[in-house]
């Protein structure tokens, strides 16, 4: 994290904004005006200019730059009001107490630099995590428009926020397949006399793939149809778990299915 503290770019050491112990989370903002890309050594000038314009706005009564942090296109995080200081940017006194604010130096649509850079997205995440670690910010991440009538933080940034504000290049978590036991039982009951018909439940294929991995079903029979061969393979799985009699009839039960899912990466719902 490239954190530029207030004194390092010409602001007083601490903000005069009111103290708050914690927040529910952080709101993301953009400039909403025209803004052009610039050399990194000019970014601190722009952040100081934002603060000057806020202090000059007597109608709003700002005591400092409105944001808790500002992030430039190069990914540097400029300390604004900082942690444990009430925001001035979220639209209402309640929202300013409820959430910190982080502003990206991004223009309105068509107004220059209107899409955040990857470095900037990393910087916003850095700022959010900094406010969490030093300012007791909660897990919530929203846009300025959440709870207040505005277009801020603009379409590109808000789309990123709605996706959970992931770091660029982050690998999404794997999706765990889910098998509905009741629908699986229905398929196992209905499919056998309907050879050649379309599969009745997509989760059957997940179970068949697990039975294939166990060496109990041929690859050619992993077709999403819980027919006679799949019932025989599931019966073999039940017997492998030491079930006997009516408990090993090839119709899935919860315990045997959970065991198969645990071994092959799917979860079971009733």
C-alpha atoms as a PDB file:
ATOM      1  CA  UNK A   1       0.000   0.000   0.000  1.00  0.00           C
ATOM      2  CA  UNK A   2       1.360   3.396  -0.999  1.00  0.00           C
ATOM      3  CA  UNK A   3      -0.141   5.537   1.775  1.00  0.00           C
ATOM      4  CA  UNK A   4       0.570   9.265   1.569  1.00  0.00           C
ATOM      5  CA  UNK A   5      -0.010  10.739   5.019  1.00  0.00           C
ATOM      6  CA  UNK A   6      -1.466  14.233   5.409  1.00  0.00           C
ATOM      7  CA  UNK A   7       1.776  16.045   6.334  1.00  0.00           C
ATOM      8  CA  UNK A   8       3.589  14.448   3.378  1.00  0.00           C
ATOM      9  CA  UNK A   9       1.460  16.428   0.920  1.00  0.00           C
ATOM     10  CA  UNK A  10       0.914  19.608   2.879  1.00  0.00           C
ATOM     11  CA  UNK A  11      -2.147  19.035   5.085  1.00  0.00           C
ATOM     12  CA  UNK A  12      -2.277  19.488   8.859  1.00  0.00           C
ATOM     13  CA  UNK A  13      -1.250  16.368  10.774  1.00  0.00           C
ATOM     14  CA  UNK A  14      -4.769  15.493  11.919  1.00  0.00           C
ATOM     15  CA  UNK A  15      -8.235  16.260  10.643  1.00  0.00           C
ATOM     16  CA  UNK A  16     -10.569  18.467  12.723  1.00  0.00           C
ATOM     17  CA  UNK A  17     -13.534  16.313  11.659  1.00  0.00           C
ATOM     18  CA  UNK A  18     -15.526  14.695  14.473  1.00  0.00           C
ATOM     19  CA  UNK A  19     -14.233  11.483  16.027  1.00  0.00           C
ATOM     20  CA  UNK A  20     -16.064   8.202  15.412  1.00  0.00           C
ATOM     21  CA  UNK A  21     -15.011   4.876  16.873  1.00  0.00           C
ATOM     22  CA  UNK A  22     -16.165   2.665  13.998  1.00  0.00           C
ATOM     23  CA  UNK A  23     -18.405   2.413  10.935  1.00  0.00           C
ATOM     24  CA  UNK A  24     -20.514  -0.250   9.242  1.00  0.00           C
ATOM     25  CA  UNK A  25     -18.261  -0.052   6.191  1.00  0.00           C
ATOM     26  CA  UNK A  26     -17.047   2.158   3.372  1.00  0.00           C
ATOM     27  CA  UNK A  27     -18.652   4.023   0.466  1.00  0.00           C
ATOM     28  CA  UNK A  28     -16.813   4.475  -2.848  1.00  0.00           C
ATOM     29  CA  UNK A  29     -17.018   7.821  -4.699  1.00  0.00           C
ATOM     30  CA  UNK A  30     -15.788   9.434  -7.893  1.00  0.00           C
ATOM     31  CA  UNK A  31     -15.261  13.085  -8.796  1.00  0.00           C
ATOM     32  CA  UNK A  32     -18.347  13.381 -10.990  1.00  0.00           C
ATOM     33  CA  UNK A  33     -16.652  16.180 -12.951  1.00  0.00           C
ATOM     34  CA  UNK A  34     -14.133  16.322 -15.767  1.00  0.00           C
ATOM     35  CA  UNK A  35     -10.705  14.953 -14.908  1.00  0.00           C
ATOM     36  CA  UNK A  36      -7.692  14.190 -17.066  1.00  0.00           C
ATOM     37  CA  UNK A  37      -4.885  11.724 -16.571  1.00  0.00           C
ATOM     38  CA  UNK A  38      -1.719  13.302 -15.195  1.00  0.00           C
ATOM     39  CA  UNK A  39       1.787  12.567 -14.009  1.00  0.00           C
ATOM     40  CA  UNK A  40       1.953  11.083 -10.535  1.00  0.00           C
ATOM     41  CA  UNK A  41       3.861  14.050  -9.117  1.00  0.00           C
ATOM     42  CA  UNK A  42       0.821  16.226  -9.889  1.00  0.00           C
ATOM     43  CA  UNK A  43      -1.739  14.078  -8.076  1.00  0.00           C
ATOM     44  CA  UNK A  44      -1.091  15.556  -4.638  1.00  0.00           C
ATOM     45  CA  UNK A  45      -1.717  19.026  -6.088  1.00  0.00           C
ATOM     46  CA  UNK A  46      -5.135  17.882  -7.227  1.00  0.00           C
ATOM     47  CA  UNK A  47      -6.029  16.382  -3.828  1.00  0.00           C
ATOM     48  CA  UNK A  48      -5.040  19.656  -2.136  1.00  0.00           C
ATOM     49  CA  UNK A  49      -7.241  21.483  -4.651  1.00  0.00           C
ATOM     50  CA  UNK A  50     -10.184  19.267  -3.699  1.00  0.00           C
ATOM     51  CA  UNK A  51      -9.653  20.130  -0.050  1.00  0.00           C
ATOM     52  CA  UNK A  52      -9.440  23.838  -0.858  1.00  0.00           C
ATOM     53  CA  UNK A  53     -12.701  23.722  -2.810  1.00  0.00           C
ATOM     54  CA  UNK A  54     -14.424  21.892   0.044  1.00  0.00           C
ATOM     55  CA  UNK A  55     -13.245  24.408   2.621  1.00  0.00           C
ATOM     56  CA  UNK A  56     -14.446  27.215   0.371  1.00  0.00           C
ATOM     57  CA  UNK A  57     -17.926  25.706   0.171  1.00  0.00           C
ATOM     58  CA  UNK A  58     -19.596  27.618   3.000  1.00  0.00           C
ATOM     59  CA  UNK A  59     -23.016  26.157   2.173  1.00  0.00           C
ATOM     60  CA  UNK A  60     -21.839  22.664   3.126  1.00  0.00           C
ATOM     61  CA  UNK A  61     -19.796  23.820   6.084  1.00  0.00           C
ATOM     62  CA  UNK A  62     -16.896  21.424   5.477  1.00  0.00           C
ATOM     63  CA  UNK A  63     -14.171  21.481   8.123  1.00  0.00           C
ATOM     64  CA  UNK A  64     -11.760  19.465   5.961  1.00  0.00           C
ATOM     65  CA  UNK A  65     -11.622  17.523   2.714  1.00  0.00           C
ATOM     66  CA  UNK A  66     -14.839  15.521   2.709  1.00  0.00           C
ATOM     67  CA  UNK A  67     -13.284  12.092   2.058  1.00  0.00           C
ATOM     68  CA  UNK A  68     -11.496   9.786   4.447  1.00  0.00           C
ATOM     69  CA  UNK A  69      -9.136   8.828   1.628  1.00  0.00           C
ATOM     70  CA  UNK A  70      -8.493   9.730  -2.013  1.00  0.00           C
ATOM     71  CA  UNK A  71      -6.942   7.316  -4.541  1.00  0.00           C
ATOM     72  CA  UNK A  72      -5.166   8.442  -7.696  1.00  0.00           C
ATOM     73  CA  UNK A  73      -4.872   6.573 -11.000  1.00  0.00           C
ATOM     74  CA  UNK A  74      -1.396   5.367  -9.984  1.00  0.00           C
ATOM     75  CA  UNK A  75      -2.770   3.568  -6.904  1.00  0.00           C
ATOM     76  CA  UNK A  76      -1.492   5.904  -4.184  1.00  0.00           C
ATOM     77  CA  UNK A  77      -3.813   6.405  -1.206  1.00  0.00           C
ATOM     78  CA  UNK A  78      -3.882  10.005   0.061  1.00  0.00           C
ATOM     79  CA  UNK A  79      -4.973  10.293   3.661  1.00  0.00           C
ATOM     80  CA  UNK A  80      -7.979  12.595   3.829  1.00  0.00           C
ATOM     81  CA  UNK A  81      -9.875  12.757   7.087  1.00  0.00           C
ATOM     82  CA  UNK A  82      -8.431   9.335   7.793  1.00  0.00           C
ATOM     83  CA  UNK A  83      -9.631   6.605  10.155  1.00  0.00           C
ATOM     84  CA  UNK A  84     -11.836   7.428  13.155  1.00  0.00           C
ATOM     85  CA  UNK A  85     -13.078  10.679  11.619  1.00  0.00           C
ATOM     86  CA  UNK A  86     -16.625  11.222  10.422  1.00  0.00           C
ATOM     87  CA  UNK A  87     -16.950  11.457   6.639  1.00  0.00           C
ATOM     88  CA  UNK A  88     -18.360  14.546   4.982  1.00  0.00           C
ATOM     89  CA  UNK A  89     -19.087  13.002   1.583  1.00  0.00           C
ATOM     90  CA  UNK A  90     -21.936  10.491   1.892  1.00  0.00           C
ATOM     91  CA  UNK A  91     -24.861  12.903   1.624  1.00  0.00           C
ATOM     92  CA  UNK A  92     -26.440  12.981   5.084  1.00  0.00           C
ATOM     93  CA  UNK A  93     -25.259  13.211   8.679  1.00  0.00           C
ATOM     94  CA  UNK A  94     -26.477   9.660   9.314  1.00  0.00           C
ATOM     95  CA  UNK A  95     -24.650   8.211   6.290  1.00  0.00           C
ATOM     96  CA  UNK A  96     -21.515  10.154   7.131  1.00  0.00           C
ATOM     97  CA  UNK A  97     -21.461   8.532  10.553  1.00  0.00           C
ATOM     98  CA  UNK A  98     -22.395   5.105   9.228  1.00  0.00           C
ATOM     99  CA  UNK A  99     -19.749   4.802   6.505  1.00  0.00           C
ATOM    100  CA  UNK A 100     -16.279   6.051   5.672  1.00  0.00           C
ATOM    101  CA  UNK A 101     -15.745   7.475   2.173  1.00  0.00           C
ATOM    102  CA  UNK A 102     -13.028   6.744  -0.382  1.00  0.00           C
ATOM    103  CA  UNK A 103     -12.867   8.852  -3.534  1.00  0.00           C
ATOM    104  CA  UNK A 104     -11.201   7.718  -6.747  1.00  0.00           C
ATOM    105  CA  UNK A 105      -9.831  10.449  -9.018  1.00  0.00           C
ATOM    106  CA  UNK A 106     -12.157   9.385 -11.846  1.00  0.00           C
ATOM    107  CA  UNK A 107     -14.189  11.665 -14.121  1.00  0.00           C
ATOM    108  CA  UNK A 108     -17.842  11.566 -15.090  1.00  0.00           C
ATOM    109  CA  UNK A 109     -18.653   9.589 -18.248  1.00  0.00           C
ATOM    110  CA  UNK A 110     -16.928  11.174 -21.230  1.00  0.00           C
ATOM    111  CA  UNK A 111     -15.122  13.668 -19.029  1.00  0.00           C
ATOM    112  CA  UNK A 112     -11.589  12.361 -19.452  1.00  0.00           C
ATOM    113  CA  UNK A 113     -10.270   9.587 -17.220  1.00  0.00           C
ATOM    114  CA  UNK A 114     -13.707   8.048 -16.583  1.00  0.00           C
ATOM    115  CA  UNK A 115     -12.711   4.417 -15.975  1.00  0.00           C
ATOM    116  CA  UNK A 116     -10.544   3.399 -13.003  1.00  0.00           C
ATOM    117  CA  UNK A 117      -7.162   1.871 -13.706  1.00  0.00           C
ATOM    118  CA  UNK A 118      -6.164  -1.493 -12.236  1.00  0.00           C
ATOM    119  CA  UNK A 119      -3.674   0.302  -9.995  1.00  0.00           C
ATOM    120  CA  UNK A 120      -6.478   2.550  -8.778  1.00  0.00           C
ATOM    121  CA  UNK A 121      -8.749  -0.408  -7.977  1.00  0.00           C
ATOM    122  CA  UNK A 122      -5.919  -1.955  -5.972  1.00  0.00           C
ATOM    123  CA  UNK A 123      -5.511   1.397  -4.209  1.00  0.00           C
ATOM    124  CA  UNK A 124      -9.204   1.590  -3.329  1.00  0.00           C
ATOM    125  CA  UNK A 125      -8.999  -1.899  -1.831  1.00  0.00           C
ATOM    126  CA  UNK A 126      -5.886  -0.822   0.060  1.00  0.00           C
ATOM    127  CA  UNK A 127      -7.761   2.194   1.428  1.00  0.00           C
ATOM    128  CA  UNK A 128     -10.761   0.086   2.474  1.00  0.00           C
ATOM    129  CA  UNK A 129      -8.533  -2.428   4.247  1.00  0.00           C
ATOM    130  CA  UNK A 130      -6.598   0.396   5.923  1.00  0.00           C
ATOM    131  CA  UNK A 131      -9.869   1.881   7.243  1.00  0.00           C
ATOM    132  CA  UNK A 132     -10.838  -1.573   8.483  1.00  0.00           C
ATOM    133  CA  UNK A 133      -7.558  -2.186  10.293  1.00  0.00           C
ATOM    134  CA  UNK A 134      -7.063   1.301  11.748  1.00  0.00           C
ATOM    135  CA  UNK A 135     -10.584   2.693  11.873  1.00  0.00           C
ATOM    136  CA  UNK A 136     -12.782  -0.307  12.728  1.00  0.00           C
ATOM    137  CA  UNK A 137     -14.670  -0.149   9.420  1.00  0.00           C
ATOM    138  CA  UNK A 138     -17.125  -2.995   8.953  1.00  0.00           C
ATOM    139  CA  UNK A 139     -17.227  -5.348   5.981  1.00  0.00           C
ATOM    140  CA  UNK A 140     -19.824  -3.402   3.986  1.00  0.00           C
ATOM    141  CA  UNK A 141     -18.665  -1.842   0.696  1.00  0.00           C
ATOM    142  CA  UNK A 142     -21.140   0.311  -1.212  1.00  0.00           C
ATOM    143  CA  UNK A 143     -21.343   3.127  -3.687  1.00  0.00           C
ATOM    144  CA  UNK A 144     -22.254   6.697  -2.803  1.00  0.00           C
ATOM    145  CA  UNK A 145     -25.574   6.095  -4.606  1.00  0.00           C
ATOM    146  CA  UNK A 146     -26.496   3.340  -2.131  1.00  0.00           C
ATOM    147  CA  UNK A 147     -28.854   5.161   0.209  1.00  0.00           C
ATOM    148  CA  UNK A 148     -28.469   8.561  -1.454  1.00  0.00           C
ATOM    149  CA  UNK A 149     -29.868   9.899  -4.745  1.00  0.00           C
ATOM    150  CA  UNK A 150     -26.798  10.380  -6.941  1.00  0.00           C
ATOM    151  CA  UNK A 151     -25.053   8.787  -9.916  1.00  0.00           C
ATOM    152  CA  UNK A 152     -21.806   8.559  -7.934  1.00  0.00           C
ATOM    153  CA  UNK A 153     -19.501   6.632  -8.261  1.00  0.00           C
ATOM    154  CA  UNK A 154     -20.352   6.250 -11.962  1.00  0.00           C
ATOM    155  CA  UNK A 155     -21.115   3.088 -13.916  1.00  0.00           C
ATOM    156  CA  UNK A 156     -17.642   1.458 -14.147  1.00  0.00           C
ATOM    157  CA  UNK A 157     -16.802   1.919 -10.473  1.00  0.00           C
ATOM    158  CA  UNK A 158     -20.277   0.973  -9.281  1.00  0.00           C
ATOM    159  CA  UNK A 159     -20.234  -2.220 -11.346  1.00  0.00           C
ATOM    160  CA  UNK A 160     -16.937  -3.114  -9.639  1.00  0.00           C
ATOM    161  CA  UNK A 161     -18.410  -2.346  -6.209  1.00  0.00           C
ATOM    162  CA  UNK A 162     -21.448  -4.543  -6.904  1.00  0.00           C
ATOM    163  CA  UNK A 163     -19.086  -7.402  -7.767  1.00  0.00           C
ATOM    164  CA  UNK A 164     -17.602  -7.156  -4.288  1.00  0.00           C
ATOM    165  CA  UNK A 165     -14.752  -4.792  -5.188  1.00  0.00           C
ATOM    166  CA  UNK A 166     -12.322  -7.567  -6.190  1.00  0.00           C
ATOM    167  CA  UNK A 167      -8.667  -6.877  -6.737  1.00  0.00           C
ATOM    168  CA  UNK A 168      -7.825  -6.947 -10.463  1.00  0.00           C
ATOM    169  CA  UNK A 169      -6.581 -10.335 -11.552  1.00  0.00           C
ATOM    170  CA  UNK A 170      -8.000 -12.078  -8.505  1.00  0.00           C
ATOM    171  CA  UNK A 171      -9.095 -15.628  -9.233  1.00  0.00           C
ATOM    172  CA  UNK A 172     -12.777 -16.036  -8.366  1.00  0.00           C
ATOM    173  CA  UNK A 173     -13.530 -18.711  -5.788  1.00  0.00           C
ATOM    174  CA  UNK A 174     -14.555 -22.049  -7.298  1.00  0.00           C
ATOM    175  CA  UNK A 175     -18.264 -22.678  -7.535  1.00  0.00           C
ATOM    176  CA  UNK A 176     -19.296 -25.669  -5.450  1.00  0.00           C
ATOM    177  CA  UNK A 177     -21.978 -27.777  -7.159  1.00  0.00           C
ATOM    178  CA  UNK A 178     -25.171 -28.320  -5.169  1.00  0.00           C
ATOM    179  CA  UNK A 179     -27.272 -31.480  -5.409  1.00  0.00           C
ATOM    180  CA  UNK A 180     -30.897 -31.422  -4.288  1.00  0.00           C
ATOM    181  CA  UNK A 181     -31.584 -34.773  -2.610  1.00  0.00           C
ATOM    182  CA  UNK A 182     -35.341 -34.722  -3.195  1.00  0.00           C
ATOM    183  CA  UNK A 183     -34.921 -34.025  -6.922  1.00  0.00           C
ATOM    184  CA  UNK A 184     -32.214 -36.675  -7.177  1.00  0.00           C
ATOM    185  CA  UNK A 185     -34.483 -39.286  -5.571  1.00  0.00           C
ATOM    186  CA  UNK A 186     -37.264 -38.307  -7.977  1.00  0.00           C
ATOM    187  CA  UNK A 187     -34.891 -38.770 -10.911  1.00  0.00           C
ATOM    188  CA  UNK A 188     -33.731 -42.135  -9.593  1.00  0.00           C
ATOM    189  CA  UNK A 189     -37.370 -43.224  -9.300  1.00  0.00           C
ATOM    190  CA  UNK A 190     -38.620 -41.863 -12.631  1.00  0.00           C
ATOM    191  CA  UNK A 191     -35.666 -42.199 -15.019  1.00  0.00           C
ATOM    192  CA  UNK A 192     -35.115 -45.990 -15.242  1.00  0.00           C
ATOM    193  CA  UNK A 193     -38.311 -46.796 -17.199  1.00  0.00           C
ATOM    194  CA  UNK A 194     -37.731 -43.771 -19.453  1.00  0.00           C
ATOM    195  CA  UNK A 195     -34.587 -44.827 -21.315  1.00  0.00           C
ATOM    196  CA  UNK A 196     -33.478 -42.361 -23.955  1.00  0.00           C
ATOM    197  CA  UNK A 197     -35.524 -39.466 -22.581  1.00  0.00           C
ATOM    198  CA  UNK A 198     -33.957 -36.107 -21.680  1.00  0.00           C
ATOM    199  CA  UNK A 199     -32.403 -35.931 -18.221  1.00  0.00           C
ATOM    200  CA  UNK A 200     -34.927 -34.957 -15.562  1.00  0.00           C
ATOM    201  CA  UNK A 201     -32.477 -33.228 -13.180  1.00  0.00           C
ATOM    202  CA  UNK A 202     -29.073 -31.704 -13.999  1.00  0.00           C
ATOM    203  CA  UNK A 203     -27.657 -32.680 -10.597  1.00  0.00           C
ATOM    204  CA  UNK A 204     -27.706 -36.314 -11.706  1.00  0.00           C
ATOM    205  CA  UNK A 205     -24.635 -35.676 -13.841  1.00  0.00           C
ATOM    206  CA  UNK A 206     -22.736 -34.373 -10.796  1.00  0.00           C
ATOM    207  CA  UNK A 207     -23.492 -37.589  -8.910  1.00  0.00           C
ATOM    208  CA  UNK A 208     -22.632 -39.747 -11.922  1.00  0.00           C
ATOM    209  CA  UNK A 209     -19.280 -37.972 -12.293  1.00  0.00           C
ATOM    210  CA  UNK A 210     -18.535 -38.815  -8.655  1.00  0.00           C
ATOM    211  CA  UNK A 211     -19.503 -42.453  -9.221  1.00  0.00           C
ATOM    212  CA  UNK A 212     -17.223 -42.492 -12.279  1.00  0.00           C
ATOM    213  CA  UNK A 213     -14.361 -41.172 -10.150  1.00  0.00           C
ATOM    214  CA  UNK A 214     -15.056 -43.974  -7.668  1.00  0.00           C
ATOM    215  CA  UNK A 215     -14.718 -46.521 -10.500  1.00  0.00           C
ATOM    216  CA  UNK A 216     -18.348 -47.591 -10.149  1.00  0.00           C
ATOM    217  CA  UNK A 217     -19.813 -46.220 -13.397  1.00  0.00           C
ATOM    218  CA  UNK A 218     -18.561 -46.234 -16.993  1.00  0.00           C
ATOM    219  CA  UNK A 219     -17.781 -42.876 -18.605  1.00  0.00           C
ATOM    220  CA  UNK A 220     -20.260 -43.596 -21.410  1.00  0.00           C
ATOM    221  CA  UNK A 221     -23.054 -43.730 -18.824  1.00  0.00           C
ATOM    222  CA  UNK A 222     -22.375 -40.275 -17.328  1.00  0.00           C
ATOM    223  CA  UNK A 223     -25.271 -38.791 -19.266  1.00  0.00           C
ATOM    224  CA  UNK A 224     -27.451 -37.074 -16.652  1.00  0.00           C
ATOM    225  CA  UNK A 225     -30.026 -39.879 -16.767  1.00  0.00           C
ATOM    226  CA  UNK A 226     -30.426 -41.786 -13.484  1.00  0.00           C
ATOM    227  CA  UNK A 227     -31.106 -45.058 -15.254  1.00  0.00           C
ATOM    228  CA  UNK A 228     -30.589 -48.668 -14.259  1.00  0.00           C
ATOM    229  CA  UNK A 229     -26.789 -48.528 -14.576  1.00  0.00           C
ATOM    230  CA  UNK A 230     -26.575 -45.458 -12.347  1.00  0.00           C
ATOM    231  CA  UNK A 231     -28.806 -47.109  -9.745  1.00  0.00           C
ATOM    232  CA  UNK A 232     -26.535 -50.169  -9.803  1.00  0.00           C
ATOM    233  CA  UNK A 233     -23.469 -47.933  -9.438  1.00  0.00           C
ATOM    234  CA  UNK A 234     -25.062 -46.062  -6.536  1.00  0.00           C
ATOM    235  CA  UNK A 235     -25.998 -49.364  -4.902  1.00  0.00           C
ATOM    236  CA  UNK A 236     -22.324 -50.348  -5.129  1.00  0.00           C
ATOM    237  CA  UNK A 237     -21.436 -47.038  -3.440  1.00  0.00           C
ATOM    238  CA  UNK A 238     -23.891 -47.759  -0.634  1.00  0.00           C
ATOM    239  CA  UNK A 239     -22.404 -51.219  -0.147  1.00  0.00           C
ATOM    240  CA  UNK A 240     -18.940 -49.670  -0.069  1.00  0.00           C
ATOM    241  CA  UNK A 241     -20.244 -47.684   2.908  1.00  0.00           C
ATOM    242  CA  UNK A 242     -21.349 -50.989   4.474  1.00  0.00           C
ATOM    243  CA  UNK A 243     -25.075 -50.498   3.912  1.00  0.00           C
ATOM    244  CA  UNK A 244     -27.073 -53.682   3.403  1.00  0.00           C
ATOM    245  CA  UNK A 245     -30.605 -54.756   2.560  1.00  0.00           C
ATOM    246  CA  UNK A 246     -33.092 -51.974   1.863  1.00  0.00           C
ATOM    247  CA  UNK A 247     -30.417 -49.394   2.717  1.00  0.00           C
ATOM    248  CA  UNK A 248     -28.468 -50.498  -0.379  1.00  0.00           C
ATOM    249  CA  UNK A 249     -31.168 -50.284  -3.035  1.00  0.00           C
ATOM    250  CA  UNK A 250     -29.458 -47.748  -5.284  1.00  0.00           C
ATOM    251  CA  UNK A 251     -31.815 -44.918  -4.307  1.00  0.00           C
ATOM    252  CA  UNK A 252     -29.753 -42.110  -2.742  1.00  0.00           C
ATOM    253  CA  UNK A 253     -30.127 -41.400   0.961  1.00  0.00           C
ATOM    254  CA  UNK A 254     -28.834 -38.317   2.702  1.00  0.00           C
ATOM    255  CA  UNK A 255     -25.895 -39.879   4.561  1.00  0.00           C
ATOM    256  CA  UNK A 256     -24.554 -41.773   1.571  1.00  0.00           C
ATOM    257  CA  UNK A 257     -24.971 -38.749  -0.712  1.00  0.00           C
ATOM    258  CA  UNK A 258     -23.246 -36.408   1.763  1.00  0.00           C
ATOM    259  CA  UNK A 259     -20.365 -38.886   1.947  1.00  0.00           C
ATOM    260  CA  UNK A 260     -20.105 -38.948  -1.843  1.00  0.00           C
ATOM    261  CA  UNK A 261     -20.242 -35.146  -1.983  1.00  0.00           C
ATOM    262  CA  UNK A 262     -17.547 -34.778   0.661  1.00  0.00           C
ATOM    263  CA  UNK A 263     -15.273 -37.006  -1.392  1.00  0.00           C
ATOM    264  CA  UNK A 264     -15.960 -35.278  -4.711  1.00  0.00           C
ATOM    265  CA  UNK A 265     -16.672 -31.617  -3.997  1.00  0.00           C
ATOM    266  CA  UNK A 266     -20.433 -31.081  -4.025  1.00  0.00           C
ATOM    267  CA  UNK A 267     -22.858 -30.133  -1.276  1.00  0.00           C
ATOM    268  CA  UNK A 268     -26.251 -31.613  -0.553  1.00  0.00           C
ATOM    269  CA  UNK A 269     -29.520 -29.828   0.187  1.00  0.00           C
ATOM    270  CA  UNK A 270     -32.849 -31.452   1.061  1.00  0.00           C
END
